[in-house]
Amino acid sequence: MFHKYTMEYWVDENWFVGRLKEIPGVFSQGKTVEELEENLKDAYKIMSEANNIELKSEVFHKEIGVDS
């Protein structure tokens, strides 16, 4: 089954680091954005196979206050 997810990424010390926004726990890195994308796909596959389930994409959000 094909799913679309949002790749969220940033640069950290010359590495592209990112995650699948809708799937908590799927993080990776790469030397290029393309490598990061492939690594995230691999991380998703490994995580879903390890759990022997289809990962759910429903994520809940709640705004919270934090003292500074």
C-alpha atoms as a PDB file:
ATOM      1  CA  MET A   1       0.000   0.000   0.000  1.00  0.00           C
ATOM      2  CA  PHE A   2       1.290   3.484  -0.883  1.00  0.00           C
ATOM      3  CA  HIS A   3       1.164   6.316   1.670  1.00  0.00           C
ATOM      4  CA  LYS A   4       2.267   9.944   1.452  1.00  0.00           C
ATOM      5  CA  TYR A   5       3.943  11.550   4.464  1.00  0.00           C
ATOM      6  CA  THR A   6       5.579  14.906   5.142  1.00  0.00           C
ATOM      7  CA  MET A   7       9.376  14.913   5.329  1.00  0.00           C
ATOM      8  CA  GLU A   8      10.445  17.613   7.777  1.00  0.00           C
ATOM      9  CA  TYR A   9      14.186  18.336   7.774  1.00  0.00           C
ATOM     10  CA  TRP A  10      16.941  20.711   8.853  1.00  0.00           C
ATOM     11  CA  VAL A  11      20.725  21.019   8.545  1.00  0.00           C
ATOM     12  CA  ASP A  12      22.899  20.068  11.511  1.00  0.00           C
ATOM     13  CA  GLU A  13      26.688  20.224  11.109  1.00  0.00           C
ATOM     14  CA  ASN A  14      26.636  19.511   7.350  1.00  0.00           C
ATOM     15  CA  TRP A  15      24.071  16.694   7.680  1.00  0.00           C
ATOM     16  CA  PHE A  16      20.465  16.839   6.535  1.00  0.00           C
ATOM     17  CA  VAL A  17      18.483  15.506   9.498  1.00  0.00           C
ATOM     18  CA  GLY A  18      14.797  14.795   9.295  1.00  0.00           C
ATOM     19  CA  ARG A  19      11.712  12.895  10.246  1.00  0.00           C
ATOM     20  CA  LEU A  20       8.361  11.819   8.915  1.00  0.00           C
ATOM     21  CA  LYS A  21       6.116  14.396  10.526  1.00  0.00           C
ATOM     22  CA  GLU A  22       3.065  12.140  10.787  1.00  0.00           C
ATOM     23  CA  ILE A  23       4.924   9.075  12.129  1.00  0.00           C
ATOM     24  CA  PRO A  24       6.551   9.587  15.543  1.00  0.00           C
ATOM     25  CA  GLY A  25       9.892   7.827  15.838  1.00  0.00           C
ATOM     26  CA  VAL A  26      10.900   7.753  12.164  1.00  0.00           C
ATOM     27  CA  PHE A  27      14.069   9.883  12.042  1.00  0.00           C
ATOM     28  CA  SER A  28      17.206   9.704   9.891  1.00  0.00           C
ATOM     29  CA  GLN A  29      20.003  11.736   8.309  1.00  0.00           C
ATOM     30  CA  GLY A  30      21.914  11.991   5.039  1.00  0.00           C
ATOM     31  CA  LYS A  31      24.671  13.929   3.317  1.00  0.00           C
ATOM     32  CA  THR A  32      22.104  15.173   0.751  1.00  0.00           C
ATOM     33  CA  VAL A  33      18.340  15.730   0.824  1.00  0.00           C
ATOM     34  CA  GLU A  34      17.968  12.816  -1.601  1.00  0.00           C
ATOM     35  CA  GLU A  35      19.965  10.503   0.691  1.00  0.00           C
ATOM     36  CA  LEU A  36      17.901  11.653   3.676  1.00  0.00           C
ATOM     37  CA  GLU A  37      14.687  10.857   1.788  1.00  0.00           C
ATOM     38  CA  GLU A  38      15.885   7.332   0.960  1.00  0.00           C
ATOM     39  CA  ASN A  39      17.062   6.793   4.544  1.00  0.00           C
ATOM     40  CA  LEU A  40      13.667   7.896   5.895  1.00  0.00           C
ATOM     41  CA  LYS A  41      11.925   5.436   3.574  1.00  0.00           C
ATOM     42  CA  ASP A  42      14.222   2.676   4.840  1.00  0.00           C
ATOM     43  CA  ALA A  43      13.624   3.688   8.471  1.00  0.00           C
ATOM     44  CA  TYR A  44       9.858   3.559   7.891  1.00  0.00           C
ATOM     45  CA  LYS A  45      10.100   0.086   6.352  1.00  0.00           C
ATOM     46  CA  ILE A  46      12.317  -1.228   9.151  1.00  0.00           C
ATOM     47  CA  MET A  47      10.046   0.196  11.833  1.00  0.00           C
ATOM     48  CA  SER A  48       6.853  -1.141  10.257  1.00  0.00           C
ATOM     49  CA  GLU A  49       8.382  -4.605   9.710  1.00  0.00           C
ATOM     50  CA  ALA A  50       9.791  -4.730  13.252  1.00  0.00           C
ATOM     51  CA  ASN A  51       6.375  -3.930  14.663  1.00  0.00           C
ATOM     52  CA  ASN A  52       4.712  -6.266  12.134  1.00  0.00           C
ATOM     53  CA  ILE A  53       1.968  -3.684  11.697  1.00  0.00           C
ATOM     54  CA  GLU A  54       1.029  -0.912   9.332  1.00  0.00           C
ATOM     55  CA  LEU A  55       2.084   2.352  10.955  1.00  0.00           C
ATOM     56  CA  LYS A  56      -0.769   4.729  11.619  1.00  0.00           C
ATOM     57  CA  SER A  57      -0.574   8.284  10.364  1.00  0.00           C
ATOM     58  CA  GLU A  58      -3.070   9.833  12.784  1.00  0.00           C
ATOM     59  CA  VAL A  59      -1.177  12.137  15.139  1.00  0.00           C
ATOM     60  CA  PHE A  60      -2.847  14.372  17.690  1.00  0.00           C
ATOM     61  CA  HIS A  61      -1.680  17.868  18.650  1.00  0.00           C
ATOM     62  CA  LYS A  62      -2.267  19.938  21.747  1.00  0.00           C
ATOM     63  CA  GLU A  63      -0.895  23.400  22.452  1.00  0.00           C
ATOM     64  CA  ILE A  64       0.842  23.690  25.820  1.00  0.00           C
ATOM     65  CA  GLY A  65       2.440  26.537  27.758  1.00  0.00           C
ATOM     66  CA  VAL A  66       6.088  26.423  28.813  1.00  0.00           C
ATOM     67  CA  ASP A  67       7.734  28.825  31.253  1.00  0.00           C
ATOM     68  CA  SER A  68      10.910  30.410  29.894  1.00  0.00           C
END
